[in-house]
Amino acid sequence: MVVNGCECEPYLTCDHRIMIEKTDQLLRGIRIALKATVQARDDRVEDNKLDAVQAIAAKLPPDGNISVHAVETKYPQAPRRC
């Protein structure tokens, strides 16, 4: 299971705020989903939200069943039209 913590636009911050302000609930939801799916455990967050990565990493269980990783921040861009 991959948990996508990346925003789809550069000025959106709702996912970012949830990862920081509701970290315990986020991890509880991940654990519930893991029990239901029994898949790999991996969370990816954009590298411009390192405070969210740190908030999640600080509360991960010591057994290593869940991990968090920063990924390159990149937003889709439509082709320019002249």
PDB file of N, CA and C in Angstrom:
ATOM      1  N   MET A   1       0.846  -1.162   0.000  1.00  0.00           N
ATOM      2  CA  MET A   1       0.000   0.000   0.000  1.00  0.00           C
ATOM      3  C   MET A   1       0.896   1.231   0.000  1.00  0.00           C
ATOM      4  N   VAL A   2       0.614   2.182  -0.858  1.00  0.00           N
ATOM      5  CA  VAL A   2       1.326   3.451  -0.894  1.00  0.00           C
ATOM      6  C   VAL A   2       0.343   4.536  -0.496  1.00  0.00           C
ATOM      7  N   VAL A   3       0.692   5.324   0.497  1.00  0.00           N
ATOM      8  CA  VAL A   3      -0.133   6.442   0.933  1.00  0.00           C
ATOM      9  C   VAL A   3       0.422   7.692   0.269  1.00  0.00           C
ATOM     10  N   ASN A   4      -0.380   8.346  -0.528  1.00  0.00           N
ATOM     11  CA  ASN A   4       0.060   9.504  -1.289  1.00  0.00           C
ATOM     12  C   ASN A   4      -0.218  10.772  -0.495  1.00  0.00           C
ATOM     13  N   GLY A   5       0.843  11.392   0.007  1.00  0.00           N
ATOM     14  CA  GLY A   5       0.714  12.649   0.743  1.00  0.00           C
ATOM     15  C   GLY A   5       1.102  13.843  -0.090  1.00  0.00           C
ATOM     16  N   CYS A   6       1.130  13.696  -1.403  1.00  0.00           N
ATOM     17  CA  CYS A   6       1.528  14.785  -2.303  1.00  0.00           C
ATOM     18  C   CYS A   6       0.295  15.570  -2.749  1.00  0.00           C
ATOM     19  N   GLU A   7       0.434  16.872  -2.802  1.00  0.00           N
ATOM     20  CA  GLU A   7      -0.648  17.730  -3.289  1.00  0.00           C
ATOM     21  C   GLU A   7      -0.626  17.716  -4.812  1.00  0.00           C
ATOM     22  N   CYS A   8      -1.754  18.072  -5.430  1.00  0.00           N
ATOM     23  CA  CYS A   8      -1.820  18.068  -6.892  1.00  0.00           C
ATOM     24  C   CYS A   8      -1.571  19.452  -7.481  1.00  0.00           C
ATOM     25  N   GLU A   9      -1.507  20.475  -6.655  1.00  0.00           N
ATOM     26  CA  GLU A   9      -1.246  21.844  -7.094  1.00  0.00           C
ATOM     27  C   GLU A   9      -0.279  22.492  -6.111  1.00  0.00           C
ATOM     28  N   PRO A  10       0.537  23.443  -6.572  1.00  0.00           N
ATOM     29  CA  PRO A  10       1.573  24.007  -5.706  1.00  0.00           C
ATOM     30  C   PRO A  10       1.055  24.808  -4.512  1.00  0.00           C
ATOM     31  N   TYR A  11      -0.152  25.381  -4.569  1.00  0.00           N
ATOM     32  CA  TYR A  11      -0.625  26.220  -3.474  1.00  0.00           C
ATOM     33  C   TYR A  11      -1.658  25.534  -2.585  1.00  0.00           C
ATOM     34  N   LEU A  12      -1.937  24.271  -2.819  1.00  0.00           N
ATOM     35  CA  LEU A  12      -2.831  23.524  -1.940  1.00  0.00           C
ATOM     36  C   LEU A  12      -2.041  23.052  -0.725  1.00  0.00           C
ATOM     37  N   THR A  13      -2.655  23.103   0.434  1.00  0.00           N
ATOM     38  CA  THR A  13      -1.946  22.690   1.645  1.00  0.00           C
ATOM     39  C   THR A  13      -2.788  21.794   2.553  1.00  0.00           C
ATOM     40  N   CYS A  14      -3.958  21.358   2.107  1.00  0.00           N
ATOM     41  CA  CYS A  14      -4.828  20.580   3.010  1.00  0.00           C
ATOM     42  C   CYS A  14      -4.182  19.252   3.406  1.00  0.00           C
ATOM     43  N   ASP A  15      -3.576  18.526   2.481  1.00  0.00           N
ATOM     44  CA  ASP A  15      -2.915  17.265   2.836  1.00  0.00           C
ATOM     45  C   ASP A  15      -1.741  17.528   3.779  1.00  0.00           C
ATOM     46  N   HIS A  16      -0.999  18.575   3.498  1.00  0.00           N
ATOM     47  CA  HIS A  16       0.152  18.947   4.315  1.00  0.00           C
ATOM     48  C   HIS A  16      -0.281  19.212   5.758  1.00  0.00           C
ATOM     49  N   ARG A  17      -1.318  20.012   5.937  1.00  0.00           N
ATOM     50  CA  ARG A  17      -1.788  20.354   7.277  1.00  0.00           C
ATOM     51  C   ARG A  17      -2.299  19.115   8.014  1.00  0.00           C
ATOM     52  N   ILE A  18      -3.001  18.232   7.321  1.00  0.00           N
ATOM     53  CA  ILE A  18      -3.503  17.009   7.956  1.00  0.00           C
ATOM     54  C   ILE A  18      -2.343  16.145   8.430  1.00  0.00           C
ATOM     55  N   MET A  19      -1.287  16.026   7.604  1.00  0.00           N
ATOM     56  CA  MET A  19      -0.144  15.193   7.986  1.00  0.00           C
ATOM     57  C   MET A  19       0.549  15.733   9.230  1.00  0.00           C
ATOM     58  N   ILE A  20       0.556  17.062   9.404  1.00  0.00           N
ATOM     59  CA  ILE A  20       1.204  17.676  10.562  1.00  0.00           C
ATOM     60  C   ILE A  20       0.276  17.712  11.772  1.00  0.00           C
ATOM     61  N   GLU A  21      -0.969  18.129  11.566  1.00  0.00           N
ATOM     62  CA  GLU A  21      -1.885  18.359  12.676  1.00  0.00           C
ATOM     63  C   GLU A  21      -2.622  17.104  13.147  1.00  0.00           C
ATOM     64  N   LYS A  22      -2.764  16.118  12.298  1.00  0.00           N
ATOM     65  CA  LYS A  22      -3.519  14.917  12.645  1.00  0.00           C
ATOM     66  C   LYS A  22      -2.695  13.653  12.363  1.00  0.00           C
ATOM     67  N   THR A  23      -1.422  13.709  12.724  1.00  0.00           N
ATOM     68  CA  THR A  23      -0.499  12.610  12.457  1.00  0.00           C
ATOM     69  C   THR A  23      -0.970  11.304  13.090  1.00  0.00           C
ATOM     70  N   ASP A  24      -1.430  11.371  14.332  1.00  0.00           N
ATOM     71  CA  ASP A  24      -1.883  10.149  15.014  1.00  0.00           C
ATOM     72  C   ASP A  24      -3.057   9.506  14.279  1.00  0.00           C
ATOM     73  N   GLN A  25      -4.027  10.325  13.856  1.00  0.00           N
ATOM     74  CA  GLN A  25      -5.182   9.799  13.138  1.00  0.00           C
ATOM     75  C   GLN A  25      -4.777   9.242  11.778  1.00  0.00           C
ATOM     76  N   LEU A  26      -3.829   9.917  11.114  1.00  0.00           N
ATOM     77  CA  LEU A  26      -3.321   9.440   9.822  1.00  0.00           C
ATOM     78  C   LEU A  26      -2.716   8.046   9.981  1.00  0.00           C
ATOM     79  N   LEU A  27      -1.857   7.891  10.974  1.00  0.00           N
ATOM     80  CA  LEU A  27      -1.204   6.597  11.184  1.00  0.00           C
ATOM     81  C   LEU A  27      -2.204   5.528  11.623  1.00  0.00           C
ATOM     82  N   ARG A  28      -3.203   5.909  12.409  1.00  0.00           N
ATOM     83  CA  ARG A  28      -4.237   4.944  12.789  1.00  0.00           C
ATOM     84  C   ARG A  28      -4.988   4.466  11.546  1.00  0.00           C
ATOM     85  N   GLY A  29      -5.327   5.393  10.648  1.00  0.00           N
ATOM     86  CA  GLY A  29      -5.998   5.026   9.405  1.00  0.00           C
ATOM     87  C   GLY A  29      -5.136   4.127   8.532  1.00  0.00           C
ATOM     88  N   ILE A  30      -3.827   4.411   8.478  1.00  0.00           N
ATOM     89  CA  ILE A  30      -2.907   3.562   7.712  1.00  0.00           C
ATOM     90  C   ILE A  30      -2.880   2.153   8.296  1.00  0.00           C
ATOM     91  N   ARG A  31      -2.809   2.068   9.630  1.00  0.00           N
ATOM     92  CA  ARG A  31      -2.792   0.742  10.271  1.00  0.00           C
ATOM     93  C   ARG A  31      -4.077  -0.043   9.992  1.00  0.00           C
ATOM     94  N   ILE A  32      -5.208   0.643  10.016  1.00  0.00           N
ATOM     95  CA  ILE A  32      -6.490  -0.018   9.716  1.00  0.00           C
ATOM     96  C   ILE A  32      -6.488  -0.524   8.280  1.00  0.00           C
ATOM     97  N   ALA A  33      -6.032   0.327   7.346  1.00  0.00           N
ATOM     98  CA  ALA A  33      -5.973  -0.078   5.937  1.00  0.00           C
ATOM     99  C   ALA A  33      -5.007  -1.242   5.743  1.00  0.00           C
ATOM    100  N   LEU A  34      -3.904  -1.246   6.480  1.00  0.00           N
ATOM    101  CA  LEU A  34      -2.934  -2.340   6.375  1.00  0.00           C
ATOM    102  C   LEU A  34      -3.539  -3.662   6.822  1.00  0.00           C
ATOM    103  N   LYS A  35      -4.302  -3.616   7.899  1.00  0.00           N
ATOM    104  CA  LYS A  35      -4.946  -4.843   8.363  1.00  0.00           C
ATOM    105  C   LYS A  35      -5.925  -5.366   7.319  1.00  0.00           C
ATOM    106  N   ALA A  36      -6.577  -4.449   6.625  1.00  0.00           N
ATOM    107  CA  ALA A  36      -7.565  -4.849   5.620  1.00  0.00           C
ATOM    108  C   ALA A  36      -6.908  -5.353   4.338  1.00  0.00           C
ATOM    109  N   THR A  37      -5.712  -4.854   4.021  1.00  0.00           N
ATOM    110  CA  THR A  37      -5.097  -5.195   2.734  1.00  0.00           C
ATOM    111  C   THR A  37      -3.889  -6.107   2.841  1.00  0.00           C
ATOM    112  N   VAL A  38      -3.173  -6.080   3.952  1.00  0.00           N
ATOM    113  CA  VAL A  38      -1.952  -6.861   4.146  1.00  0.00           C
ATOM    114  C   VAL A  38      -0.999  -6.682   2.956  1.00  0.00           C
ATOM    115  N   GLN A  39      -0.664  -5.439   2.677  1.00  0.00           N
ATOM    116  CA  GLN A  39       0.230  -5.093   1.568  1.00  0.00           C
ATOM    117  C   GLN A  39       1.493  -4.424   2.123  1.00  0.00           C
ATOM    118  N   ALA A  40       2.359  -3.962   1.211  1.00  0.00           N
ATOM    119  CA  ALA A  40       3.551  -3.216   1.612  1.00  0.00           C
ATOM    120  C   ALA A  40       3.138  -1.914   2.289  1.00  0.00           C
ATOM    121  N   ARG A  41       4.000  -1.403   3.141  1.00  0.00           N
ATOM    122  CA  ARG A  41       3.682  -0.196   3.906  1.00  0.00           C
ATOM    123  C   ARG A  41       4.673   0.904   3.571  1.00  0.00           C
ATOM    124  N   ASP A  42       4.197   1.925   2.868  1.00  0.00           N
ATOM    125  CA  ASP A  42       5.098   2.965   2.381  1.00  0.00           C
ATOM    126  C   ASP A  42       4.323   4.263   2.218  1.00  0.00           C
ATOM    127  N   ASP A  43       4.820   5.364   2.753  1.00  0.00           N
ATOM    128  CA  ASP A  43       4.176   6.671   2.641  1.00  0.00           C
ATOM    129  C   ASP A  43       5.133   7.613   1.930  1.00  0.00           C
ATOM    130  N   ARG A  44       4.660   8.299   0.908  1.00  0.00           N
ATOM    131  CA  ARG A  44       5.481   9.238   0.137  1.00  0.00           C
ATOM    132  C   ARG A  44       4.928  10.646   0.292  1.00  0.00           C
ATOM    133  N   VAL A  45       5.814  11.603   0.606  1.00  0.00           N
ATOM    134  CA  VAL A  45       5.444  12.998   0.807  1.00  0.00           C
ATOM    135  C   VAL A  45       6.418  13.849   0.008  1.00  0.00           C
ATOM    136  N   GLU A  46       5.921  14.955  -0.572  1.00  0.00           N
ATOM    137  CA  GLU A  46       6.789  15.826  -1.370  1.00  0.00           C
ATOM    138  C   GLU A  46       7.936  16.382  -0.526  1.00  0.00           C
ATOM    139  N   ASP A  47       9.089  16.583  -1.181  1.00  0.00           N
ATOM    140  CA  ASP A  47      10.276  17.034  -0.462  1.00  0.00           C
ATOM    141  C   ASP A  47      10.219  18.490  -0.015  1.00  0.00           C
ATOM    142  N   ASN A  48       9.167  19.229  -0.388  1.00  0.00           N
ATOM    143  CA  ASN A  48       9.018  20.585   0.133  1.00  0.00           C
ATOM    144  C   ASN A  48       8.139  20.595   1.385  1.00  0.00           C
ATOM    145  N   LYS A  49       7.818  19.430   1.901  1.00  0.00           N
ATOM    146  CA  LYS A  49       7.017  19.298   3.115  1.00  0.00           C
ATOM    147  C   LYS A  49       7.748  18.392   4.115  1.00  0.00           C
ATOM    148  N   LEU A  50       9.011  18.716   4.336  1.00  0.00           N
ATOM    149  CA  LEU A  50       9.826  17.878   5.211  1.00  0.00           C
ATOM    150  C   LEU A  50       9.324  17.877   6.651  1.00  0.00           C
ATOM    151  N   ASP A  51       8.613  18.943   7.065  1.00  0.00           N
ATOM    152  CA  ASP A  51       8.049  18.937   8.414  1.00  0.00           C
ATOM    153  C   ASP A  51       6.983  17.851   8.547  1.00  0.00           C
ATOM    154  N   ALA A  52       6.253  17.568   7.461  1.00  0.00           N
ATOM    155  CA  ALA A  52       5.270  16.483   7.486  1.00  0.00           C
ATOM    156  C   ALA A  52       5.981  15.130   7.544  1.00  0.00           C
ATOM    157  N   VAL A  53       7.057  14.987   6.783  1.00  0.00           N
ATOM    158  CA  VAL A  53       7.849  13.745   6.821  1.00  0.00           C
ATOM    159  C   VAL A  53       8.359  13.519   8.242  1.00  0.00           C
ATOM    160  N   GLN A  54       8.871  14.567   8.867  1.00  0.00           N
ATOM    161  CA  GLN A  54       9.406  14.446  10.226  1.00  0.00           C
ATOM    162  C   GLN A  54       8.304  14.133  11.232  1.00  0.00           C
ATOM    163  N   ALA A  55       7.128  14.762  11.084  1.00  0.00           N
ATOM    164  CA  ALA A  55       6.012  14.507  12.004  1.00  0.00           C
ATOM    165  C   ALA A  55       5.574  13.049  11.925  1.00  0.00           C
ATOM    166  N   ILE A  56       5.496  12.525  10.708  1.00  0.00           N
ATOM    167  CA  ILE A  56       5.093  11.132  10.525  1.00  0.00           C
ATOM    168  C   ILE A  56       6.185  10.191  11.030  1.00  0.00           C
ATOM    169  N   ALA A  57       7.439  10.455  10.645  1.00  0.00           N
ATOM    170  CA  ALA A  57       8.555   9.589  11.037  1.00  0.00           C
ATOM    171  C   ALA A  57       8.694   9.497  12.561  1.00  0.00           C
ATOM    172  N   ALA A  58       8.421  10.596  13.256  1.00  0.00           N
ATOM    173  CA  ALA A  58       8.559  10.614  14.712  1.00  0.00           C
ATOM    174  C   ALA A  58       7.556   9.704  15.403  1.00  0.00           C
ATOM    175  N   LYS A  59       6.452   9.388  14.736  1.00  0.00           N
ATOM    176  CA  LYS A  59       5.411   8.581  15.368  1.00  0.00           C
ATOM    177  C   LYS A  59       5.250   7.189  14.758  1.00  0.00           C
ATOM    178  N   LEU A  60       6.194   6.804  13.897  1.00  0.00           N
ATOM    179  CA  LEU A  60       6.108   5.475  13.296  1.00  0.00           C
ATOM    180  C   LEU A  60       6.415   4.403  14.335  1.00  0.00           C
ATOM    181  N   PRO A  61       5.783   3.248  14.213  1.00  0.00           N
ATOM    182  CA  PRO A  61       6.068   2.170  15.151  1.00  0.00           C
ATOM    183  C   PRO A  61       7.503   1.675  14.965  1.00  0.00           C
ATOM    184  N   PRO A  62       8.150   1.253  16.044  1.00  0.00           N
ATOM    185  CA  PRO A  62       9.553   0.821  15.959  1.00  0.00           C
ATOM    186  C   PRO A  62       9.759  -0.471  15.176  1.00  0.00           C
ATOM    187  N   ASP A  63       8.692  -1.203  14.866  1.00  0.00           N
ATOM    188  CA  ASP A  63       8.857  -2.477  14.155  1.00  0.00           C
ATOM    189  C   ASP A  63       9.201  -2.311  12.678  1.00  0.00           C
ATOM    190  N   GLY A  64       9.152  -1.088  12.156  1.00  0.00           N
ATOM    191  CA  GLY A  64       9.525  -0.847  10.760  1.00  0.00           C
ATOM    192  C   GLY A  64       8.473  -1.261   9.750  1.00  0.00           C
ATOM    193  N   ASN A  65       7.251  -1.538  10.197  1.00  0.00           N
ATOM    194  CA  ASN A  65       6.189  -1.947   9.275  1.00  0.00           C
ATOM    195  C   ASN A  65       5.703  -0.828   8.376  1.00  0.00           C
ATOM    196  N   ILE A  66       5.883   0.422   8.815  1.00  0.00           N
ATOM    197  CA  ILE A  66       5.465   1.583   8.024  1.00  0.00           C
ATOM    198  C   ILE A  66       6.682   2.470   7.843  1.00  0.00           C
ATOM    199  N   SER A  67       6.861   3.009   6.631  1.00  0.00           N
ATOM    200  CA  SER A  67       7.977   3.932   6.379  1.00  0.00           C
ATOM    201  C   SER A  67       7.444   5.173   5.678  1.00  0.00           C
ATOM    202  N   VAL A  68       8.205   6.255   5.753  1.00  0.00           N
ATOM    203  CA  VAL A  68       7.843   7.506   5.087  1.00  0.00           C
ATOM    204  C   VAL A  68       9.054   7.973   4.290  1.00  0.00           C
ATOM    205  N   HIS A  69       8.800   8.499   3.086  1.00  0.00           N
ATOM    206  CA  HIS A  69       9.875   8.952   2.200  1.00  0.00           C
ATOM    207  C   HIS A  69       9.501  10.278   1.547  1.00  0.00           C
ATOM    208  N   ALA A  70      10.478  11.155   1.378  1.00  0.00           N
ATOM    209  CA  ALA A  70      10.273  12.390   0.622  1.00  0.00           C
ATOM    210  C   ALA A  70      10.498  12.095  -0.856  1.00  0.00           C
ATOM    211  N   VAL A  71       9.637  12.641  -1.703  1.00  0.00           N
ATOM    212  CA  VAL A  71       9.791  12.503  -3.150  1.00  0.00           C
ATOM    213  C   VAL A  71       9.897  13.887  -3.768  1.00  0.00           C
ATOM    214  N   GLU A  72      10.439  13.956  -4.963  1.00  0.00           N
ATOM    215  CA  GLU A  72      10.622  15.225  -5.657  1.00  0.00           C
ATOM    216  C   GLU A  72       9.285  15.942  -5.835  1.00  0.00           C
ATOM    217  N   THR A  73       9.283  17.241  -5.528  1.00  0.00           N
ATOM    218  CA  THR A  73       8.093  18.049  -5.739  1.00  0.00           C
ATOM    219  C   THR A  73       8.003  18.402  -7.211  1.00  0.00           C
ATOM    220  N   LYS A  74       6.920  17.967  -7.835  1.00  0.00           N
ATOM    221  CA  LYS A  74       6.747  18.229  -9.262  1.00  0.00           C
ATOM    222  C   LYS A  74       5.254  18.227  -9.552  1.00  0.00           C
ATOM    223  N   TYR A  75       4.774  19.300 -10.142  1.00  0.00           N
ATOM    224  CA  TYR A  75       3.357  19.406 -10.458  1.00  0.00           C
ATOM    225  C   TYR A  75       3.147  19.244 -11.956  1.00  0.00           C
ATOM    226  N   PRO A  76       2.066  18.613 -12.344  1.00  0.00           N
ATOM    227  CA  PRO A  76       1.794  18.507 -13.784  1.00  0.00           C
ATOM    228  C   PRO A  76       1.558  19.897 -14.367  1.00  0.00           C
ATOM    229  N   GLN A  77       2.044  20.084 -15.566  1.00  0.00           N
ATOM    230  CA  GLN A  77       1.858  21.369 -16.233  1.00  0.00           C
ATOM    231  C   GLN A  77       1.298  21.110 -17.616  1.00  0.00           C
ATOM    232  N   ALA A  78       0.307  21.891 -17.974  1.00  0.00           N
ATOM    233  CA  ALA A  78      -0.268  21.767 -19.325  1.00  0.00           C
ATOM    234  C   ALA A  78       0.676  22.415 -20.324  1.00  0.00           C
ATOM    235  N   PRO A  79       0.683  21.920 -21.571  1.00  0.00           N
ATOM    236  CA  PRO A  79       1.542  22.542 -22.581  1.00  0.00           C
ATOM    237  C   PRO A  79       1.091  23.982 -22.860  1.00  0.00           C
ATOM    238  N   ARG A  80       2.057  24.838 -23.105  1.00  0.00           N
ATOM    239  CA  ARG A  80       1.742  26.245 -23.410  1.00  0.00           C
ATOM    240  C   ARG A  80       1.164  26.355 -24.809  1.00  0.00           C
ATOM    241  N   ARG A  81       0.188  27.193 -24.933  1.00  0.00           N
ATOM    242  CA  ARG A  81      -0.406  27.453 -26.259  1.00  0.00           C
ATOM    243  C   ARG A  81      -0.193  28.914 -26.604  1.00  0.00           C
ATOM    244  N   CYS A  82       0.184  29.151 -27.832  1.00  0.00           N
ATOM    245  CA  CYS A  82       0.417  30.533 -28.267  1.00  0.00           C
ATOM    246  C   CYS A  82      -0.755  31.045 -29.060  1.00  0.00           C
TER     247      CYS A  82
END
